[in-house]
Amino acid sequence: MLIMAIDSVVARQRVEDLDAAVPFYEKLTGSTATRFAFAGVNLASVGPFLLFAGPDEAVQRVAGVAATLAVSNLDTAVEEAEAGGAEIVMPIQPTPNGRRAVLRHPHGGVFEYVGP
């Protein structure tokens, strides 16, 4: 039985123009965007949304993930998900905002897990 907890879910949204999209999501959420770049993609975290833009080749690596799942213990979450039948697509690695792993759940969904 899995015992890990998902602390929050972040919806991912590709946008053509990050500068044009951010003000809408800031007003919608009442949050200020945090911008960063990762693997050739420009991103903005705004409340429960992760907006991203960039060249097709770079964006395709990000676009195939349905959502980002924040967990309090990344190592445990990955171990428990794998024990439950998930496949590790990308093992745990450092990012500008912590650590991440990408897993394919047993029923096909691909999710990014982030945490300390």
N, C-alpha and C. Protein backbone atom coordinates (compact mmCIF):
# COMPACT_ATOMS: atom_id res chain seq x y z
N MET A 1 0.84 -1.18 0.00
CA MET A 1 0.00 0.00 0.00
C MET A 1 0.89 1.25 0.00
N LEU A 2 0.58 2.19 -0.86
CA LEU A 2 1.34 3.44 -0.93
C LEU A 2 0.94 4.35 0.23
N ILE A 3 1.94 4.99 0.87
CA ILE A 3 1.65 5.87 1.99
C ILE A 3 2.15 7.30 1.76
N MET A 4 2.74 7.56 0.61
CA MET A 4 3.23 8.92 0.36
C MET A 4 2.05 9.88 0.18
N ALA A 5 2.32 11.14 0.45
CA ALA A 5 1.29 12.17 0.28
C ALA A 5 1.75 13.15 -0.79
N ILE A 6 0.81 13.57 -1.61
CA ILE A 6 1.08 14.61 -2.59
C ILE A 6 0.64 15.92 -1.94
N ASP A 7 1.57 16.86 -1.79
CA ASP A 7 1.28 18.12 -1.11
C ASP A 7 0.53 19.11 -2.00
N SER A 8 0.84 19.11 -3.29
CA SER A 8 0.13 20.00 -4.22
C SER A 8 0.33 19.50 -5.65
N VAL A 9 -0.55 19.96 -6.51
CA VAL A 9 -0.48 19.62 -7.93
C VAL A 9 -0.38 20.92 -8.71
N VAL A 10 0.57 20.98 -9.65
CA VAL A 10 0.77 22.16 -10.47
C VAL A 10 0.35 21.82 -11.90
N ALA A 11 -0.59 22.60 -12.44
CA ALA A 11 -1.03 22.42 -13.81
C ALA A 11 -0.01 23.05 -14.75
N ARG A 12 0.33 22.33 -15.81
CA ARG A 12 1.32 22.81 -16.78
C ARG A 12 0.59 23.36 -18.00
N GLN A 13 1.09 24.48 -18.51
CA GLN A 13 0.46 25.10 -19.68
C GLN A 13 1.52 25.68 -20.60
N ARG A 14 1.58 25.17 -21.83
CA ARG A 14 2.47 25.78 -22.82
C ARG A 14 1.82 27.05 -23.34
N VAL A 15 2.61 28.10 -23.47
CA VAL A 15 2.14 29.36 -24.03
C VAL A 15 3.10 29.80 -25.11
N GLU A 16 2.60 30.51 -26.08
CA GLU A 16 3.45 31.00 -27.17
C GLU A 16 4.33 32.16 -26.71
N ASP A 17 3.75 33.05 -25.88
CA ASP A 17 4.45 34.26 -25.45
C ASP A 17 4.34 34.35 -23.93
N LEU A 18 5.41 33.99 -23.25
CA LEU A 18 5.41 33.96 -21.79
C LEU A 18 5.15 35.36 -21.21
N ASP A 19 5.78 36.39 -21.80
CA ASP A 19 5.59 37.75 -21.30
C ASP A 19 4.13 38.19 -21.41
N ALA A 20 3.45 37.78 -22.45
CA ALA A 20 2.04 38.15 -22.62
C ALA A 20 1.12 37.35 -21.70
N ALA A 21 1.48 36.10 -21.41
CA ALA A 21 0.63 35.22 -20.61
C ALA A 21 0.71 35.48 -19.12
N VAL A 22 1.89 35.84 -18.63
CA VAL A 22 2.09 35.97 -17.18
C VAL A 22 1.10 36.94 -16.52
N PRO A 23 0.86 38.13 -17.05
CA PRO A 23 -0.07 39.05 -16.36
C PRO A 23 -1.47 38.45 -16.17
N PHE A 24 -1.97 37.70 -17.15
CA PHE A 24 -3.29 37.07 -17.02
C PHE A 24 -3.29 36.13 -15.82
N TYR A 25 -2.28 35.25 -15.72
CA TYR A 25 -2.24 34.26 -14.65
C TYR A 25 -1.95 34.91 -13.30
N GLU A 26 -1.19 36.00 -13.26
CA GLU A 26 -0.98 36.72 -12.01
C GLU A 26 -2.30 37.30 -11.51
N LYS A 27 -3.08 37.89 -12.41
CA LYS A 27 -4.37 38.45 -12.01
C LYS A 27 -5.34 37.34 -11.61
N LEU A 28 -5.35 36.26 -12.36
CA LEU A 28 -6.24 35.13 -12.07
C LEU A 28 -5.98 34.53 -10.70
N THR A 29 -4.71 34.40 -10.34
CA THR A 29 -4.35 33.71 -9.10
C THR A 29 -4.05 34.63 -7.93
N GLY A 30 -3.81 35.93 -8.22
CA GLY A 30 -3.40 36.84 -7.16
C GLY A 30 -1.98 36.60 -6.70
N SER A 31 -1.19 35.89 -7.52
CA SER A 31 0.19 35.55 -7.20
C SER A 31 1.15 36.26 -8.15
N THR A 32 2.36 36.48 -7.68
CA THR A 32 3.41 37.03 -8.51
C THR A 32 4.21 35.89 -9.13
N ALA A 33 4.49 35.98 -10.40
CA ALA A 33 5.22 34.93 -11.11
C ALA A 33 6.66 34.86 -10.66
N THR A 34 7.16 33.65 -10.58
CA THR A 34 8.58 33.39 -10.39
C THR A 34 9.07 32.81 -11.69
N ARG A 35 10.01 33.48 -12.34
CA ARG A 35 10.50 33.05 -13.65
C ARG A 35 11.85 32.36 -13.52
N PHE A 36 12.06 31.36 -14.38
CA PHE A 36 13.34 30.67 -14.42
C PHE A 36 13.46 29.94 -15.75
N ALA A 37 14.65 29.48 -16.04
CA ALA A 37 14.89 28.71 -17.27
C ALA A 37 15.42 27.34 -16.87
N PHE A 38 15.07 26.34 -17.68
CA PHE A 38 15.54 24.98 -17.43
C PHE A 38 15.56 24.23 -18.75
N ALA A 39 16.69 23.66 -19.07
CA ALA A 39 16.84 22.81 -20.26
C ALA A 39 16.36 23.49 -21.54
N GLY A 40 16.66 24.78 -21.70
CA GLY A 40 16.30 25.50 -22.91
C GLY A 40 14.87 25.98 -22.97
N VAL A 41 14.14 25.88 -21.84
CA VAL A 41 12.74 26.30 -21.78
C VAL A 41 12.64 27.45 -20.78
N ASN A 42 11.87 28.48 -21.12
CA ASN A 42 11.59 29.57 -20.20
C ASN A 42 10.29 29.25 -19.47
N LEU A 43 10.32 29.37 -18.14
CA LEU A 43 9.17 28.98 -17.33
C LEU A 43 8.78 30.09 -16.38
N ALA A 44 7.51 30.06 -15.97
CA ALA A 44 7.01 30.97 -14.94
C ALA A 44 6.06 30.17 -14.06
N SER A 45 6.35 30.17 -12.77
CA SER A 45 5.47 29.55 -11.79
C SER A 45 4.56 30.64 -11.26
N VAL A 46 3.24 30.45 -11.43
CA VAL A 46 2.25 31.44 -11.00
C VAL A 46 1.13 30.71 -10.27
N GLY A 47 1.11 30.80 -8.96
CA GLY A 47 0.11 30.07 -8.19
C GLY A 47 0.19 28.59 -8.54
N PRO A 48 -0.94 27.96 -8.90
CA PRO A 48 -0.93 26.53 -9.21
C PRO A 48 -0.59 26.21 -10.68
N PHE A 49 -0.08 27.20 -11.41
CA PHE A 49 0.24 27.01 -12.82
C PHE A 49 1.74 27.08 -13.07
N LEU A 50 2.20 26.26 -13.99
CA LEU A 50 3.57 26.34 -14.50
C LEU A 50 3.45 26.61 -16.00
N LEU A 51 3.75 27.84 -16.39
CA LEU A 51 3.70 28.24 -17.79
C LEU A 51 5.07 28.01 -18.40
N PHE A 52 5.10 27.59 -19.65
CA PHE A 52 6.40 27.39 -20.29
C PHE A 52 6.34 27.72 -21.76
N ALA A 53 7.48 28.19 -22.28
CA ALA A 53 7.58 28.59 -23.68
C ALA A 53 9.02 28.36 -24.14
N GLY A 54 9.16 28.17 -25.43
CA GLY A 54 10.49 28.00 -25.99
C GLY A 54 10.42 27.27 -27.31
N PRO A 55 11.57 26.95 -27.86
CA PRO A 55 11.62 26.24 -29.14
C PRO A 55 10.97 24.86 -29.02
N ASP A 56 10.32 24.42 -30.09
CA ASP A 56 9.59 23.15 -30.08
C ASP A 56 10.42 21.99 -29.53
N GLU A 57 11.67 21.88 -29.97
CA GLU A 57 12.50 20.76 -29.55
C GLU A 57 12.67 20.73 -28.03
N ALA A 58 12.94 21.88 -27.43
CA ALA A 58 13.12 21.95 -25.98
C ALA A 58 11.80 21.76 -25.25
N VAL A 59 10.74 22.37 -25.74
CA VAL A 59 9.43 22.32 -25.09
C VAL A 59 8.85 20.90 -25.10
N GLN A 60 9.14 20.12 -26.11
CA GLN A 60 8.60 18.76 -26.19
C GLN A 60 9.00 17.92 -24.98
N ARG A 61 10.19 18.19 -24.43
CA ARG A 61 10.63 17.45 -23.24
C ARG A 61 9.76 17.79 -22.02
N VAL A 62 9.20 18.98 -21.99
CA VAL A 62 8.37 19.43 -20.88
C VAL A 62 6.90 19.13 -21.13
N ALA A 63 6.46 19.24 -22.38
CA ALA A 63 5.04 19.14 -22.72
C ALA A 63 4.45 17.75 -22.51
N GLY A 64 5.26 16.71 -22.50
CA GLY A 64 4.74 15.36 -22.35
C GLY A 64 4.36 14.99 -20.94
N VAL A 65 4.54 15.89 -20.00
CA VAL A 65 4.22 15.63 -18.60
C VAL A 65 2.88 16.27 -18.26
N ALA A 66 1.97 15.48 -17.68
CA ALA A 66 0.61 15.96 -17.43
C ALA A 66 0.54 17.02 -16.33
N ALA A 67 1.31 16.84 -15.26
CA ALA A 67 1.27 17.77 -14.12
C ALA A 67 2.51 17.56 -13.28
N THR A 68 2.76 18.51 -12.40
CA THR A 68 3.84 18.41 -11.44
C THR A 68 3.24 18.13 -10.07
N LEU A 69 3.77 17.11 -9.41
CA LEU A 69 3.28 16.71 -8.09
C LEU A 69 4.35 17.05 -7.05
N ALA A 70 4.05 17.95 -6.13
CA ALA A 70 5.00 18.32 -5.08
C ALA A 70 4.82 17.36 -3.91
N VAL A 71 5.93 16.81 -3.45
CA VAL A 71 5.92 15.86 -2.33
C VAL A 71 6.93 16.31 -1.28
N SER A 72 6.71 15.91 -0.05
CA SER A 72 7.61 16.33 1.03
C SER A 72 8.88 15.49 1.09
N ASN A 73 8.85 14.28 0.53
CA ASN A 73 10.03 13.43 0.51
C ASN A 73 10.12 12.77 -0.85
N LEU A 74 10.93 13.33 -1.73
CA LEU A 74 11.02 12.86 -3.11
C LEU A 74 11.53 11.42 -3.19
N ASP A 75 12.55 11.10 -2.41
CA ASP A 75 13.10 9.74 -2.46
C ASP A 75 12.03 8.70 -2.13
N THR A 76 11.29 8.93 -1.05
CA THR A 76 10.24 8.00 -0.63
C THR A 76 9.13 7.93 -1.67
N ALA A 77 8.73 9.09 -2.19
CA ALA A 77 7.64 9.11 -3.18
C ALA A 77 8.00 8.30 -4.41
N VAL A 78 9.23 8.46 -4.91
CA VAL A 78 9.65 7.72 -6.09
C VAL A 78 9.72 6.22 -5.79
N GLU A 79 10.28 5.87 -4.64
CA GLU A 79 10.37 4.45 -4.26
C GLU A 79 8.98 3.82 -4.16
N GLU A 80 8.05 4.51 -3.52
CA GLU A 80 6.71 3.97 -3.33
C GLU A 80 5.93 3.90 -4.64
N ALA A 81 6.10 4.91 -5.48
CA ALA A 81 5.42 4.87 -6.78
C ALA A 81 5.95 3.72 -7.63
N GLU A 82 7.27 3.55 -7.62
CA GLU A 82 7.86 2.45 -8.38
C GLU A 82 7.39 1.10 -7.83
N ALA A 83 7.32 0.97 -6.52
CA ALA A 83 6.83 -0.28 -5.91
C ALA A 83 5.38 -0.54 -6.28
N GLY A 84 4.63 0.53 -6.54
CA GLY A 84 3.24 0.39 -6.93
C GLY A 84 3.03 0.18 -8.42
N GLY A 85 4.12 0.10 -9.19
CA GLY A 85 4.01 -0.18 -10.61
C GLY A 85 4.39 0.95 -11.54
N ALA A 86 4.81 2.11 -11.00
CA ALA A 86 5.22 3.22 -11.85
C ALA A 86 6.60 2.92 -12.45
N GLU A 87 6.84 3.49 -13.62
CA GLU A 87 8.12 3.34 -14.32
C GLU A 87 8.87 4.67 -14.23
N ILE A 88 10.14 4.61 -13.89
CA ILE A 88 10.95 5.82 -13.83
C ILE A 88 11.36 6.19 -15.25
N VAL A 89 10.89 7.34 -15.70
CA VAL A 89 11.24 7.87 -17.02
C VAL A 89 12.53 8.66 -16.91
N MET A 90 12.66 9.45 -15.83
CA MET A 90 13.86 10.22 -15.56
C MET A 90 14.13 10.12 -14.06
N PRO A 91 15.29 9.60 -13.68
CA PRO A 91 15.59 9.47 -12.25
C PRO A 91 15.74 10.83 -11.58
N ILE A 92 15.77 10.80 -10.27
CA ILE A 92 15.92 12.03 -9.48
C ILE A 92 17.17 12.78 -9.91
N GLN A 93 16.99 14.09 -10.11
CA GLN A 93 18.10 14.96 -10.50
C GLN A 93 17.87 16.35 -9.95
N PRO A 94 18.94 17.13 -9.77
CA PRO A 94 18.79 18.50 -9.27
C PRO A 94 18.21 19.42 -10.34
N THR A 95 17.50 20.45 -9.90
CA THR A 95 16.96 21.49 -10.78
C THR A 95 17.22 22.84 -10.11
N PRO A 96 16.90 23.94 -10.80
CA PRO A 96 17.08 25.26 -10.16
C PRO A 96 16.22 25.44 -8.91
N ASN A 97 15.14 24.64 -8.77
CA ASN A 97 14.19 24.82 -7.67
C ASN A 97 14.13 23.62 -6.73
N GLY A 98 15.13 22.78 -6.68
CA GLY A 98 15.08 21.59 -5.83
C GLY A 98 15.50 20.37 -6.60
N ARG A 99 14.74 19.29 -6.47
CA ARG A 99 15.03 18.06 -7.21
C ARG A 99 13.76 17.58 -7.87
N ARG A 100 13.92 16.76 -8.92
CA ARG A 100 12.76 16.26 -9.66
C ARG A 100 13.03 14.87 -10.19
N ALA A 101 11.95 14.16 -10.48
CA ALA A 101 11.98 12.88 -11.18
C ALA A 101 10.73 12.83 -12.03
N VAL A 102 10.75 12.07 -13.11
CA VAL A 102 9.58 11.91 -13.96
C VAL A 102 9.22 10.43 -13.97
N LEU A 103 7.95 10.14 -13.71
CA LEU A 103 7.48 8.76 -13.65
C LEU A 103 6.26 8.57 -14.54
N ARG A 104 6.16 7.39 -15.13
CA ARG A 104 4.96 6.99 -15.86
C ARG A 104 4.16 6.09 -14.93
N HIS A 105 2.97 6.51 -14.60
CA HIS A 105 2.12 5.72 -13.71
C HIS A 105 1.66 4.46 -14.43
N PRO A 106 1.26 3.43 -13.69
CA PRO A 106 0.90 2.15 -14.30
C PRO A 106 -0.23 2.23 -15.31
N HIS A 107 -1.02 3.31 -15.25
CA HIS A 107 -2.15 3.44 -16.18
C HIS A 107 -1.86 4.43 -17.30
N GLY A 108 -0.58 4.83 -17.44
CA GLY A 108 -0.15 5.60 -18.60
C GLY A 108 0.19 7.06 -18.39
N GLY A 109 -0.31 7.72 -17.36
CA GLY A 109 -0.03 9.13 -17.15
C GLY A 109 1.43 9.37 -16.79
N VAL A 110 2.00 10.45 -17.31
CA VAL A 110 3.39 10.81 -17.01
C VAL A 110 3.36 12.06 -16.14
N PHE A 111 4.05 11.98 -14.99
CA PHE A 111 4.03 13.06 -14.01
C PHE A 111 5.44 13.39 -13.54
N GLU A 112 5.67 14.66 -13.30
CA GLU A 112 6.91 15.12 -12.69
C GLU A 112 6.67 15.18 -11.19
N TYR A 113 7.58 14.60 -10.43
CA TYR A 113 7.55 14.69 -8.97
C TYR A 113 8.66 15.66 -8.57
N VAL A 114 8.35 16.60 -7.68
CA VAL A 114 9.36 17.54 -7.20
C VAL A 114 9.35 17.56 -5.68
N GLY A 115 10.52 17.80 -5.12
CA GLY A 115 10.62 17.90 -3.67
C GLY A 115 12.06 17.95 -3.23
N PRO A 116 12.22 18.05 -1.94
CA PRO A 116 13.58 18.10 -1.39
C PRO A 116 14.26 16.75 -1.45
